[in-house]
Amino acid sequence: MTRARIPILLALLWSVAWGQSIVKSPEGVKSALAAMSEVVEQSGRLIASRDYAQLPREANEFEARLIEFEQGIGSQPSELKSTLEPLIAKARVAASAMSEAAQSHRDSMLPLTHRQLASAVAAMIAATPASMRPNPAPQAQGPRNIR
Protein backbone atom coordinates (compact mmCIF):
# COMPACT_ATOMS: atom_id res chain seq x y z
CA MET A 1 0.00 0.00 0.00
CA THR A 2 1.45 3.34 -0.95
CA ARG A 3 1.84 6.19 1.50
CA ALA A 4 -0.64 8.29 -0.49
CA ARG A 5 -3.41 5.74 0.07
CA ILE A 6 -3.02 5.48 3.84
CA PRO A 7 -4.48 8.95 4.65
CA ILE A 8 -7.36 8.31 2.25
CA LEU A 9 -8.07 4.93 3.84
CA LEU A 10 -7.92 6.42 7.35
CA ALA A 11 -10.24 9.24 6.32
CA LEU A 12 -12.68 6.74 4.84
CA LEU A 13 -12.64 4.57 7.96
CA TRP A 14 -13.08 7.62 10.20
CA SER A 15 -16.04 8.90 8.14
CA VAL A 16 -17.76 5.50 8.29
CA ALA A 17 -17.25 5.29 12.05
CA TRP A 18 -18.32 8.91 12.50
CA GLY A 19 -21.44 8.41 10.35
CA GLN A 20 -22.55 5.44 12.43
CA SER A 21 -21.82 7.24 15.69
CA ILE A 22 -24.29 9.96 14.62
CA VAL A 23 -27.12 7.46 15.06
CA LYS A 24 -28.55 8.22 18.47
CA SER A 25 -30.07 4.80 19.15
CA PRO A 26 -29.31 1.88 16.84
CA GLU A 27 -31.58 -0.42 18.87
CA GLY A 28 -34.36 2.18 18.74
CA VAL A 29 -34.00 2.31 14.96
CA LYS A 30 -34.15 -1.47 14.74
CA SER A 31 -37.16 -1.66 17.05
CA ALA A 32 -39.03 1.08 15.18
CA LEU A 33 -38.41 -0.57 11.80
CA ALA A 34 -39.69 -3.89 13.16
CA ALA A 35 -42.81 -2.23 14.57
CA MET A 36 -43.47 -0.37 11.30
CA SER A 37 -43.15 -3.65 9.40
CA GLU A 38 -45.70 -5.22 11.76
CA VAL A 39 -48.10 -2.32 11.15
CA VAL A 40 -47.74 -2.80 7.39
CA GLU A 41 -48.48 -6.51 7.75
CA GLN A 42 -51.47 -5.91 10.03
CA SER A 43 -52.83 -3.22 7.71
CA GLY A 44 -52.56 -5.64 4.81
CA ARG A 45 -54.53 -8.24 6.73
CA LEU A 46 -57.20 -5.67 7.62
CA ILE A 47 -57.52 -4.57 3.99
CA ALA A 48 -57.70 -8.18 2.79
CA SER A 49 -60.50 -8.91 5.27
CA ARG A 50 -62.22 -5.58 4.45
CA ASP A 51 -62.02 -4.53 8.10
CA TYR A 52 -61.27 -0.88 7.38
CA ALA A 53 -62.38 0.64 10.68
CA GLN A 54 -59.04 -0.21 12.34
CA LEU A 55 -56.87 1.33 9.61
CA PRO A 56 -56.78 4.85 11.09
CA ARG A 57 -55.57 3.34 14.38
CA GLU A 58 -52.87 1.44 12.48
CA ALA A 59 -51.85 4.67 10.71
CA ASN A 60 -51.55 6.40 14.11
CA GLU A 61 -49.43 3.53 15.40
CA PHE A 62 -47.27 3.81 12.29
CA GLU A 63 -46.77 7.53 12.87
CA ALA A 64 -45.71 6.87 16.47
CA ARG A 65 -43.12 4.31 15.30
CA LEU A 66 -41.97 6.68 12.55
CA ILE A 67 -41.29 9.36 15.18
CA GLU A 68 -39.40 6.76 17.24
CA PHE A 69 -37.36 5.94 14.12
CA GLU A 70 -36.57 9.63 13.51
CA GLN A 71 -35.50 10.05 17.13
CA GLY A 72 -33.32 6.95 16.82
CA ILE A 73 -31.43 8.26 13.80
CA GLY A 74 -30.82 11.53 15.63
CA SER A 75 -30.91 15.15 14.62
CA GLN A 76 -27.33 15.58 13.45
CA PRO A 77 -26.74 15.86 9.69
CA SER A 78 -25.33 12.68 8.18
CA GLU A 79 -25.33 10.80 4.91
CA LEU A 80 -27.66 8.20 6.42
CA LYS A 81 -30.13 10.84 7.55
CA SER A 82 -30.11 12.59 4.18
CA THR A 83 -30.80 9.24 2.50
CA LEU A 84 -33.63 8.36 4.90
CA GLU A 85 -35.44 11.72 5.08
CA PRO A 86 -37.19 11.45 1.68
CA LEU A 87 -38.14 7.83 2.44
CA ILE A 88 -39.56 8.88 5.81
CA ALA A 89 -41.62 11.56 4.05
CA LYS A 90 -42.97 9.00 1.55
CA ALA A 91 -43.91 6.63 4.36
CA ARG A 92 -45.63 9.41 6.28
CA VAL A 93 -47.66 10.47 3.21
CA ALA A 94 -48.63 6.86 2.43
CA ALA A 95 -49.79 6.17 6.01
CA SER A 96 -51.80 9.38 6.02
CA ALA A 97 -53.35 8.56 2.63
CA MET A 98 -54.30 5.07 3.84
CA SER A 99 -55.97 6.50 6.93
CA GLU A 100 -57.78 9.16 4.92
CA ALA A 101 -59.00 6.61 2.35
CA ALA A 102 -60.37 4.41 5.16
CA GLN A 103 -62.09 7.31 6.91
CA SER A 104 -63.67 8.62 3.70
CA HIS A 105 -64.73 5.09 2.61
CA ARG A 106 -62.67 5.15 -0.58
CA ASP A 107 -62.12 1.42 -0.41
CA SER A 108 -60.68 1.16 -3.91
CA MET A 109 -57.74 3.36 -2.84
CA LEU A 110 -56.72 1.21 0.11
CA PRO A 111 -54.69 -1.44 -1.76
CA LEU A 112 -52.75 1.29 -3.57
CA THR A 113 -52.00 3.25 -0.41
CA HIS A 114 -50.99 0.03 1.35
CA ARG A 115 -48.57 -0.88 -1.46
CA GLN A 116 -47.06 2.61 -1.23
CA LEU A 117 -46.65 2.24 2.52
CA ALA A 118 -45.09 -1.22 2.19
CA SER A 119 -42.74 0.04 -0.52
CA ALA A 120 -41.65 3.02 1.58
CA VAL A 121 -40.92 0.84 4.62
CA ALA A 122 -39.00 -1.67 2.49
CA ALA A 123 -36.91 1.19 1.07
CA MET A 124 -36.24 2.52 4.58
CA ILE A 125 -35.08 -0.91 5.72
CA ALA A 126 -32.88 -1.33 2.64
CA ALA A 127 -31.28 2.10 3.21
CA THR A 128 -30.55 1.38 6.87
CA PRO A 129 -27.22 -0.27 7.77
CA ALA A 130 -27.58 -4.04 8.19
CA SER A 131 -26.74 -3.87 11.91
CA MET A 132 -29.85 -1.71 12.49
CA ARG A 133 -32.28 -3.72 10.37
CA PRO A 134 -34.95 -5.81 12.10
CA ASN A 135 -34.56 -9.56 12.06
CA PRO A 136 -36.71 -11.14 9.36
CA ALA A 137 -39.94 -12.64 10.64
CA PRO A 138 -39.83 -16.42 10.79
CA GLN A 139 -41.61 -17.98 7.84
CA ALA A 140 -44.61 -20.12 8.64
CA GLN A 141 -44.06 -23.69 7.65
CA GLY A 142 -46.74 -25.75 6.03
CA PRO A 143 -47.67 -29.28 7.04
CA ARG A 144 -44.92 -31.82 6.68
CA ASN A 145 -45.27 -35.23 5.12
CA ILE A 146 -44.52 -37.74 7.82
CA ARG A 147 -43.94 -41.32 6.76
C-alpha atoms as a PDB file:
ATOM      1  CA  MET A   1       0.000   0.000   0.000  1.00  0.00           C
ATOM      2  CA  THR A   2       1.446   3.337  -0.948  1.00  0.00           C
ATOM      3  CA  ARG A   3       1.836   6.187   1.500  1.00  0.00           C
ATOM      4  CA  ALA A   4      -0.639   8.286  -0.489  1.00  0.00           C
ATOM      5  CA  ARG A   5      -3.406   5.736   0.067  1.00  0.00           C
ATOM      6  CA  ILE A   6      -3.017   5.481   3.837  1.00  0.00           C
ATOM      7  CA  PRO A   7      -4.478   8.945   4.650  1.00  0.00           C
ATOM      8  CA  ILE A   8      -7.358   8.310   2.253  1.00  0.00           C
ATOM      9  CA  LEU A   9      -8.065   4.932   3.842  1.00  0.00           C
ATOM     10  CA  LEU A  10      -7.918   6.417   7.348  1.00  0.00           C
ATOM     11  CA  ALA A  11     -10.241   9.245   6.325  1.00  0.00           C
ATOM     12  CA  LEU A  12     -12.681   6.745   4.841  1.00  0.00           C
ATOM     13  CA  LEU A  13     -12.642   4.567   7.960  1.00  0.00           C
ATOM     14  CA  TRP A  14     -13.083   7.622  10.196  1.00  0.00           C
ATOM     15  CA  SER A  15     -16.037   8.897   8.142  1.00  0.00           C
ATOM     16  CA  VAL A  16     -17.755   5.502   8.289  1.00  0.00           C
ATOM     17  CA  ALA A  17     -17.246   5.289  12.052  1.00  0.00           C
ATOM     18  CA  TRP A  18     -18.323   8.908  12.504  1.00  0.00           C
ATOM     19  CA  GLY A  19     -21.438   8.408  10.351  1.00  0.00           C
ATOM     20  CA  GLN A  20     -22.545   5.440  12.434  1.00  0.00           C
ATOM     21  CA  SER A  21     -21.823   7.243  15.694  1.00  0.00           C
ATOM     22  CA  ILE A  22     -24.287   9.964  14.620  1.00  0.00           C
ATOM     23  CA  VAL A  23     -27.117   7.462  15.058  1.00  0.00           C
ATOM     24  CA  LYS A  24     -28.546   8.219  18.471  1.00  0.00           C
ATOM     25  CA  SER A  25     -30.066   4.799  19.152  1.00  0.00           C
ATOM     26  CA  PRO A  26     -29.311   1.879  16.837  1.00  0.00           C
ATOM     27  CA  GLU A  27     -31.577  -0.424  18.871  1.00  0.00           C
ATOM     28  CA  GLY A  28     -34.357   2.183  18.736  1.00  0.00           C
ATOM     29  CA  VAL A  29     -34.000   2.314  14.955  1.00  0.00           C
ATOM     30  CA  LYS A  30     -34.148  -1.472  14.737  1.00  0.00           C
ATOM     31  CA  SER A  31     -37.163  -1.665  17.045  1.00  0.00           C
ATOM     32  CA  ALA A  32     -39.028   1.076  15.180  1.00  0.00           C
ATOM     33  CA  LEU A  33     -38.411  -0.573  11.801  1.00  0.00           C
ATOM     34  CA  ALA A  34     -39.691  -3.895  13.160  1.00  0.00           C
ATOM     35  CA  ALA A  35     -42.811  -2.228  14.567  1.00  0.00           C
ATOM     36  CA  MET A  36     -43.468  -0.370  11.299  1.00  0.00           C
ATOM     37  CA  SER A  37     -43.153  -3.655   9.405  1.00  0.00           C
ATOM     38  CA  GLU A  38     -45.695  -5.217  11.758  1.00  0.00           C
ATOM     39  CA  VAL A  39     -48.099  -2.324  11.155  1.00  0.00           C
ATOM     40  CA  VAL A  40     -47.736  -2.796   7.392  1.00  0.00           C
ATOM     41  CA  GLU A  41     -48.480  -6.514   7.751  1.00  0.00           C
ATOM     42  CA  GLN A  42     -51.470  -5.906  10.031  1.00  0.00           C
ATOM     43  CA  SER A  43     -52.830  -3.220   7.708  1.00  0.00           C
ATOM     44  CA  GLY A  44     -52.560  -5.643   4.806  1.00  0.00           C
ATOM     45  CA  ARG A  45     -54.533  -8.244   6.734  1.00  0.00           C
ATOM     46  CA  LEU A  46     -57.201  -5.669   7.622  1.00  0.00           C
ATOM     47  CA  ILE A  47     -57.516  -4.574   3.988  1.00  0.00           C
ATOM     48  CA  ALA A  48     -57.702  -8.183   2.788  1.00  0.00           C
ATOM     49  CA  SER A  49     -60.499  -8.909   5.270  1.00  0.00           C
ATOM     50  CA  ARG A  50     -62.219  -5.584   4.450  1.00  0.00           C
ATOM     51  CA  ASP A  51     -62.020  -4.527   8.103  1.00  0.00           C
ATOM     52  CA  TYR A  52     -61.269  -0.879   7.381  1.00  0.00           C
ATOM     53  CA  ALA A  53     -62.380   0.637  10.683  1.00  0.00           C
ATOM     54  CA  GLN A  54     -59.036  -0.207  12.340  1.00  0.00           C
ATOM     55  CA  LEU A  55     -56.866   1.329   9.610  1.00  0.00           C
ATOM     56  CA  PRO A  56     -56.776   4.852  11.091  1.00  0.00           C
ATOM     57  CA  ARG A  57     -55.566   3.341  14.378  1.00  0.00           C
ATOM     58  CA  GLU A  58     -52.874   1.442  12.479  1.00  0.00           C
ATOM     59  CA  ALA A  59     -51.850   4.665  10.713  1.00  0.00           C
ATOM     60  CA  ASN A  60     -51.553   6.397  14.111  1.00  0.00           C
ATOM     61  CA  GLU A  61     -49.429   3.527  15.400  1.00  0.00           C
ATOM     62  CA  PHE A  62     -47.272   3.807  12.295  1.00  0.00           C
ATOM     63  CA  GLU A  63     -46.770   7.535  12.870  1.00  0.00           C
ATOM     64  CA  ALA A  64     -45.706   6.874  16.466  1.00  0.00           C
ATOM     65  CA  ARG A  65     -43.124   4.315  15.304  1.00  0.00           C
ATOM     66  CA  LEU A  66     -41.967   6.683  12.545  1.00  0.00           C
ATOM     67  CA  ILE A  67     -41.294   9.359  15.184  1.00  0.00           C
ATOM     68  CA  GLU A  68     -39.403   6.757  17.244  1.00  0.00           C
ATOM     69  CA  PHE A  69     -37.361   5.942  14.121  1.00  0.00           C
ATOM     70  CA  GLU A  70     -36.567   9.629  13.509  1.00  0.00           C
ATOM     71  CA  GLN A  71     -35.495  10.055  17.126  1.00  0.00           C
ATOM     72  CA  GLY A  72     -33.321   6.955  16.817  1.00  0.00           C
ATOM     73  CA  ILE A  73     -31.426   8.259  13.802  1.00  0.00           C
ATOM     74  CA  GLY A  74     -30.820  11.532  15.630  1.00  0.00           C
ATOM     75  CA  SER A  75     -30.912  15.151  14.622  1.00  0.00           C
ATOM     76  CA  GLN A  76     -27.326  15.579  13.449  1.00  0.00           C
ATOM     77  CA  PRO A  77     -26.744  15.856   9.693  1.00  0.00           C
ATOM     78  CA  SER A  78     -25.331  12.680   8.184  1.00  0.00           C
ATOM     79  CA  GLU A  79     -25.326  10.800   4.915  1.00  0.00           C
ATOM     80  CA  LEU A  80     -27.664   8.200   6.421  1.00  0.00           C
ATOM     81  CA  LYS A  81     -30.125  10.839   7.553  1.00  0.00           C
ATOM     82  CA  SER A  82     -30.109  12.590   4.176  1.00  0.00           C
ATOM     83  CA  THR A  83     -30.805   9.239   2.499  1.00  0.00           C
ATOM     84  CA  LEU A  84     -33.627   8.360   4.897  1.00  0.00           C
ATOM     85  CA  GLU A  85     -35.439  11.718   5.081  1.00  0.00           C
ATOM     86  CA  PRO A  86     -37.192  11.451   1.676  1.00  0.00           C
ATOM     87  CA  LEU A  87     -38.138   7.834   2.442  1.00  0.00           C
ATOM     88  CA  ILE A  88     -39.564   8.877   5.809  1.00  0.00           C
ATOM     89  CA  ALA A  89     -41.616  11.558   4.051  1.00  0.00           C
ATOM     90  CA  LYS A  90     -42.971   9.001   1.553  1.00  0.00           C
ATOM     91  CA  ALA A  91     -43.907   6.625   4.357  1.00  0.00           C
ATOM     92  CA  ARG A  92     -45.632   9.409   6.285  1.00  0.00           C
ATOM     93  CA  VAL A  93     -47.660  10.467   3.208  1.00  0.00           C
ATOM     94  CA  ALA A  94     -48.630   6.857   2.430  1.00  0.00           C
ATOM     95  CA  ALA A  95     -49.795   6.170   6.007  1.00  0.00           C
ATOM     96  CA  SER A  96     -51.804   9.376   6.023  1.00  0.00           C
ATOM     97  CA  ALA A  97     -53.351   8.564   2.633  1.00  0.00           C
ATOM     98  CA  MET A  98     -54.299   5.071   3.845  1.00  0.00           C
ATOM     99  CA  SER A  99     -55.975   6.497   6.932  1.00  0.00           C
ATOM    100  CA  GLU A 100     -57.784   9.158   4.923  1.00  0.00           C
ATOM    101  CA  ALA A 101     -58.999   6.610   2.351  1.00  0.00           C
ATOM    102  CA  ALA A 102     -60.367   4.413   5.156  1.00  0.00           C
ATOM    103  CA  GLN A 103     -62.089   7.307   6.907  1.00  0.00           C
ATOM    104  CA  SER A 104     -63.665   8.618   3.698  1.00  0.00           C
ATOM    105  CA  HIS A 105     -64.729   5.094   2.615  1.00  0.00           C
ATOM    106  CA  ARG A 106     -62.667   5.145  -0.579  1.00  0.00           C
ATOM    107  CA  ASP A 107     -62.121   1.419  -0.407  1.00  0.00           C
ATOM    108  CA  SER A 108     -60.680   1.164  -3.909  1.00  0.00           C
ATOM    109  CA  MET A 109     -57.739   3.365  -2.842  1.00  0.00           C
ATOM    110  CA  LEU A 110     -56.724   1.208   0.111  1.00  0.00           C
ATOM    111  CA  PRO A 111     -54.693  -1.435  -1.760  1.00  0.00           C
ATOM    112  CA  LEU A 112     -52.747   1.288  -3.567  1.00  0.00           C
ATOM    113  CA  THR A 113     -51.995   3.249  -0.409  1.00  0.00           C
ATOM    114  CA  HIS A 114     -50.986   0.032   1.351  1.00  0.00           C
ATOM    115  CA  ARG A 115     -48.572  -0.880  -1.458  1.00  0.00           C
ATOM    116  CA  GLN A 116     -47.064   2.610  -1.232  1.00  0.00           C
ATOM    117  CA  LEU A 117     -46.645   2.240   2.518  1.00  0.00           C
ATOM    118  CA  ALA A 118     -45.090  -1.215   2.195  1.00  0.00           C
ATOM    119  CA  SER A 119     -42.737   0.044  -0.523  1.00  0.00           C
ATOM    120  CA  ALA A 120     -41.650   3.022   1.581  1.00  0.00           C
ATOM    121  CA  VAL A 121     -40.925   0.842   4.619  1.00  0.00           C
ATOM    122  CA  ALA A 122     -39.000  -1.665   2.490  1.00  0.00           C
ATOM    123  CA  ALA A 123     -36.915   1.191   1.074  1.00  0.00           C
ATOM    124  CA  MET A 124     -36.238   2.523   4.583  1.00  0.00           C
ATOM    125  CA  ILE A 125     -35.084  -0.914   5.722  1.00  0.00           C
ATOM    126  CA  ALA A 126     -32.880  -1.325   2.644  1.00  0.00           C
ATOM    127  CA  ALA A 127     -31.284   2.104   3.214  1.00  0.00           C
ATOM    128  CA  THR A 128     -30.549   1.382   6.870  1.00  0.00           C
ATOM    129  CA  PRO A 129     -27.222  -0.274   7.767  1.00  0.00           C
ATOM    130  CA  ALA A 130     -27.578  -4.039   8.191  1.00  0.00           C
ATOM    131  CA  SER A 131     -26.740  -3.867  11.905  1.00  0.00           C
ATOM    132  CA  MET A 132     -29.845  -1.714  12.490  1.00  0.00           C
ATOM    133  CA  ARG A 133     -32.284  -3.716  10.371  1.00  0.00           C
ATOM    134  CA  PRO A 134     -34.949  -5.811  12.097  1.00  0.00           C
ATOM    135  CA  ASN A 135     -34.562  -9.558  12.060  1.00  0.00           C
ATOM    136  CA  PRO A 136     -36.706 -11.138   9.361  1.00  0.00           C
ATOM    137  CA  ALA A 137     -39.937 -12.638  10.636  1.00  0.00           C
ATOM    138  CA  PRO A 138     -39.826 -16.422  10.785  1.00  0.00           C
ATOM    139  CA  GLN A 139     -41.608 -17.984   7.845  1.00  0.00           C
ATOM    140  CA  ALA A 140     -44.614 -20.118   8.645  1.00  0.00           C
ATOM    141  CA  GLN A 141     -44.058 -23.693   7.650  1.00  0.00           C
ATOM    142  CA  GLY A 142     -46.742 -25.747   6.032  1.00  0.00           C
ATOM    143  CA  PRO A 143     -47.668 -29.279   7.044  1.00  0.00           C
ATOM    144  CA  ARG A 144     -44.923 -31.816   6.684  1.00  0.00           C
ATOM    145  CA  ASN A 145     -45.271 -35.229   5.121  1.00  0.00           C
ATOM    146  CA  ILE A 146     -44.518 -37.745   7.819  1.00  0.00           C
ATOM    147  CA  ARG A 147     -43.938 -41.324   6.756  1.00  0.00           C
END
